[in-house]
Protein backbone atom coordinates (compact mmCIF):
# COMPACT_ATOMS: atom_id res chain seq x y z
CA MET A 1 41.29 -112.72 147.04
CA SER A 2 39.48 -115.85 144.67
CA VAL A 3 39.43 -118.73 146.83
CA ASP A 4 40.59 -122.73 145.25
CA PRO A 5 37.23 -124.20 145.52
CA ILE A 6 39.02 -127.34 145.96
CA THR A 7 39.95 -125.65 149.61
CA THR A 8 36.19 -125.96 150.83
CA TYR A 9 35.74 -129.42 150.08
CA SER A 10 36.43 -132.27 152.05
CA PRO A 11 38.25 -134.94 150.91
CA PRO A 12 35.81 -137.66 149.01
CA LYS A 13 35.56 -141.24 150.47
CA ASN A 14 34.11 -143.02 147.89
CA LEU A 15 33.35 -142.79 144.11
CA VAL A 16 30.04 -141.16 144.49
CA GLU A 17 31.29 -138.26 146.69
CA LEU A 18 34.47 -138.56 144.13
CA GLU A 19 32.07 -137.99 141.21
CA ALA A 20 29.85 -134.84 143.16
CA HIS A 21 32.81 -133.03 143.47
CA LEU A 22 33.96 -133.00 139.91
CA GLN A 23 30.33 -131.45 139.18
CA ASP A 24 31.34 -128.11 139.33
CA LEU A 25 34.90 -128.59 138.24
CA SER A 26 35.17 -130.73 135.34
CA HIS A 27 32.87 -129.36 133.23
CA TYR A 28 31.86 -126.01 134.67
CA VAL A 29 31.38 -123.81 131.72
CA SER A 30 29.72 -120.44 133.56
CA ALA A 31 32.91 -119.20 132.41
CA LEU A 32 32.05 -118.76 129.18
CA GLU A 33 29.37 -116.84 130.10
CA ILE A 34 31.11 -114.27 132.19
CA ILE A 35 33.22 -113.80 129.40
CA ARG A 36 30.45 -113.12 127.02
CA ASN A 37 28.84 -110.51 129.75
CA PHE A 38 31.86 -108.45 129.96
CA ALA A 39 32.34 -108.19 126.22
CA LYS A 40 28.64 -107.06 125.50
CA ASN A 41 29.27 -104.47 128.66
CA LEU A 42 31.67 -102.70 126.60
CA GLY A 43 29.74 -101.80 123.99
CA LYS A 44 30.23 -101.74 120.02
CA THR A 45 32.57 -103.52 118.49
CA ASN A 46 35.76 -100.66 117.35
CA HIS A 47 35.62 -100.00 121.65
CA ARG A 48 35.90 -104.19 122.14
CA GLN A 49 38.77 -104.31 119.75
CA GLN A 50 40.49 -101.17 120.94
CA VAL A 51 40.13 -103.13 124.92
CA PHE A 52 41.56 -106.19 123.19
CA ASN A 53 44.10 -105.07 121.20
CA ALA A 54 45.99 -102.45 123.77
CA LYS A 55 49.33 -103.42 124.56
CA ARG A 56 49.56 -106.55 126.70
CA ALA A 57 45.79 -107.39 127.31
CA ILE A 58 45.18 -110.49 125.84
CA ILE A 59 48.67 -110.78 124.72
CA ARG A 60 52.68 -109.67 125.46
CA PRO A 61 55.96 -110.71 124.72
CA PRO A 62 56.87 -113.63 125.59
CA ILE A 63 57.79 -114.90 129.16
CA GLU A 64 61.51 -115.95 129.44
CA TYR A 65 62.23 -118.43 132.02
CA LYS A 66 65.79 -116.00 133.00
CA ASP A 67 63.14 -113.69 133.79
CA VAL A 68 61.13 -115.82 135.95
CA LEU A 69 64.15 -116.77 138.14
CA ASN A 70 65.35 -113.08 138.10
CA LEU A 71 61.87 -112.07 139.59
CA LYS A 72 62.33 -115.27 141.99
CA LEU A 73 59.40 -116.48 141.15
CA LEU A 74 60.48 -119.63 140.58
CA THR A 75 63.78 -121.59 141.76
CA ALA A 76 66.47 -123.71 140.04
CA ASP A 77 64.79 -126.56 141.50
CA ASP A 78 61.71 -126.05 139.62
CA ASP A 79 60.81 -127.34 136.21
CA SER A 80 62.17 -124.97 133.56
CA PHE A 81 60.47 -123.73 130.55
CA THR A 82 61.13 -123.22 126.89
CA LEU A 83 57.57 -122.22 125.91
CA LEU A 84 54.38 -121.69 127.79
CA GLN A 85 50.86 -123.01 127.20
CA GLY A 86 49.42 -120.51 125.12
CA ASP A 87 52.26 -119.46 123.60
CA ILE A 88 51.91 -118.11 119.93
CA VAL A 89 54.63 -119.52 117.49
CA ASN A 90 55.33 -120.17 114.14
CA THR A 91 56.85 -123.50 112.68
CA ASP A 92 56.79 -125.41 109.61
CA ALA A 93 56.67 -128.72 111.37
CA ALA A 94 53.66 -129.16 112.47
CA TYR A 95 50.68 -131.63 110.54
CA PHE A 96 47.47 -132.02 110.04
CA LEU A 97 45.89 -134.97 108.92
CA GLY A 98 48.95 -135.81 107.63
CA GLU A 99 49.45 -132.57 105.71
CA ARG A 100 52.08 -130.52 106.75
CA ILE A 101 50.87 -126.72 107.71
CA THR A 102 53.34 -123.99 106.17
CA ASN A 103 53.22 -120.19 106.93
CA THR A 104 51.48 -120.09 109.95
CA ASN A 105 50.89 -119.23 113.29
CA PHE A 106 50.08 -121.46 116.33
CA VAL A 107 48.94 -121.14 119.94
CA ILE A 108 50.18 -124.07 121.84
CA ALA A 109 47.32 -126.14 123.08
CA SER A 110 49.50 -128.60 125.46
CA SER A 111 49.40 -127.91 128.97
CA THR A 112 52.91 -126.17 129.91
CA CYS A 113 54.15 -129.06 132.36
CA ASP A 114 53.73 -131.55 129.23
CA ILE A 115 56.14 -129.29 126.69
CA VAL A 116 59.14 -129.50 129.17
CA PRO A 117 62.08 -131.15 127.12
CA ASP A 118 61.61 -135.00 127.06
CA ARG A 119 58.40 -134.86 129.11
CA ARG A 120 56.37 -135.73 126.11
CA GLN A 121 57.12 -136.96 122.00
CA TYR A 122 53.96 -134.72 120.52
CA ALA A 123 52.45 -131.67 121.53
CA ALA A 124 49.17 -130.33 119.95
CA LEU A 125 48.58 -126.96 118.52
CA LEU A 126 45.77 -124.49 116.98
CA ARG A 127 45.79 -122.84 114.10
CA ILE A 128 45.50 -118.76 113.54
CA GLN A 129 43.91 -117.82 110.73
CA PRO A 130 44.83 -113.89 109.89
CA ILE A 131 41.90 -111.66 109.15
CA MET A 132 42.69 -109.67 106.22
CA ARG A 133 41.29 -105.57 106.00
CA SER A 134 40.16 -106.50 102.21
CA ASN A 135 37.59 -109.53 103.17
CA PRO A 136 34.76 -108.23 102.30
CA ASN A 137 32.46 -109.33 105.72
CA VAL A 138 35.78 -108.22 107.85
CA LYS A 139 33.26 -106.20 110.13
CA GLN A 140 31.06 -109.30 110.56
CA LEU A 141 33.23 -111.40 111.52
CA ILE A 142 35.56 -108.67 113.55
CA GLY A 143 32.21 -108.13 115.56
CA GLU A 144 31.03 -111.81 115.83
CA LEU A 145 34.62 -112.93 117.48
CA LEU A 146 34.63 -109.90 119.94
CA LYS A 147 31.14 -111.46 120.99
CA PHE A 148 32.87 -115.00 122.16
CA GLU A 149 29.61 -116.53 121.19
CA SER A 150 30.89 -118.94 119.04
CA THR A 151 33.24 -121.70 120.44
CA GLN A 152 34.84 -122.09 117.10
CA ARG A 153 37.13 -119.12 117.46
CA MET A 154 38.75 -116.91 119.46
CA TYR A 155 39.80 -113.09 118.70
CA LEU A 156 43.57 -111.94 118.77
CA PRO A 157 45.21 -109.32 118.49
CA PRO A 158 47.63 -108.67 114.64
CA LEU A 159 50.98 -110.23 115.63
CA SER A 160 54.67 -109.16 114.90
CA ASN A 161 54.76 -111.10 112.02
CA ASP A 162 51.80 -110.31 110.50
CA SER A 163 51.32 -108.34 106.91
CA SER A 164 49.78 -104.60 107.17
CA ASP A 165 46.65 -105.97 105.80
CA VAL A 166 45.82 -107.94 109.15
CA ILE A 167 43.50 -106.05 111.32
CA GLY A 168 43.43 -109.18 113.41
CA ASN A 169 43.14 -112.98 113.42
CA ALA A 170 41.14 -115.75 114.53
CA LEU A 171 42.63 -118.76 116.88
CA LEU A 172 40.54 -121.65 115.28
CA PHE A 173 38.93 -124.81 117.80
CA ASP A 174 38.16 -126.99 115.32
CA GLY A 175 40.83 -128.94 113.99
CA ILE A 176 43.67 -130.05 116.58
CA ILE A 177 47.49 -129.70 115.38
CA GLN A 178 49.89 -132.38 115.71
CA ILE A 179 53.98 -131.69 116.13
CA ARG A 180 57.05 -133.38 117.89
CA LEU A 181 58.24 -132.09 120.91
CA GLU A 182 61.39 -131.64 119.82
CA ASP A 183 60.38 -129.41 116.43
CA LEU A 184 58.17 -127.49 118.61
CA LEU A 185 60.93 -126.62 120.91
CA LEU A 186 62.50 -124.95 118.22
CA ALA A 187 59.39 -122.79 116.74
CA THR A 188 59.75 -118.94 116.89
CA ARG A 189 58.29 -117.49 120.03
CA LEU A 190 56.08 -114.36 118.89
CA ALA A 191 53.84 -114.06 122.13
CA SER A 192 52.90 -115.00 125.18
CA LEU A 193 49.02 -114.65 126.33
CA SER A 194 48.88 -112.34 129.06
CA LEU A 195 46.88 -113.98 132.40
CA VAL A 196 43.50 -112.72 131.51
CA GLY A 197 44.37 -114.37 127.95
CA TRP A 198 45.10 -117.82 129.27
CA ARG A 199 42.19 -117.51 131.51
CA ILE A 200 39.59 -117.04 128.01
CA PHE A 201 41.87 -119.59 126.11
CA GLY A 202 41.35 -121.97 129.31
CA SER A 203 37.61 -121.71 129.76
CA LEU A 204 37.22 -122.06 126.00
CA VAL A 205 39.08 -125.38 125.70
CA ARG A 206 37.70 -126.85 128.44
CA THR A 207 33.97 -125.94 127.07
CA ILE A 208 34.84 -127.74 124.15
CA MET A 209 36.88 -130.48 125.54
CA VAL A 210 34.63 -131.76 128.51
CA ARG A 211 31.61 -129.48 127.95
CA ALA A 212 28.73 -131.47 129.85
CA GLY A 213 24.95 -131.28 127.90
CA THR A 214 22.11 -132.23 130.59
CA ASP A 215 21.27 -135.42 128.39
CA GLU A 216 24.59 -136.56 128.61
CA VAL A 217 24.68 -136.81 132.64
CA LYS A 218 21.22 -138.56 132.67
CA ILE A 219 22.67 -141.38 130.22
CA ARG A 220 26.13 -142.03 131.87
CA THR A 221 23.76 -142.09 135.52
CA ALA A 222 21.12 -144.23 133.86
CA ILE A 223 23.46 -146.69 132.04
């Protein structure tokens, strides 16, 4: 059983101690190396794709609130949910740089607690780009995605509403999509991320949003 790192720390007494506590938490990047090493050890691209395409491997049918209640994983006093972070949805109500994006699937980037009805006005999405079998560079593209070498994209298997020509999908981290929460709650849910899929997704989001470079630490320390 893994141990929550927070439980190994005594409460910080000042800002200096607080920063020291946060060093290993807020900008932790070694999770990405773990993911890359795992993918590398799987061998050839075909085997990697089989592993990540397996049923419920990184995506699964949508997790329903009623099922969670029936399993007594939540009580009626806990926040109910319509959507979860990492859910794959389809909607024509999302915008990027003022332009409405249609005929596109998305992954919810906002935290689950922020997409509870009436909790926020807006939510963040990430686009999913289908990888077509007819693409002349499809083998190279799939191979790169399944190595997790780039933090610009994450591999996803074909989705339930994809055409037969779609061999996989690329989740794009370059470009945050906006949507009104009230519109997102009306979106069509296609899938939820599995636990390991959610962990991979979270590791990539954290690496992109709050990755700390050595030089940046020096700058903020000195200035």
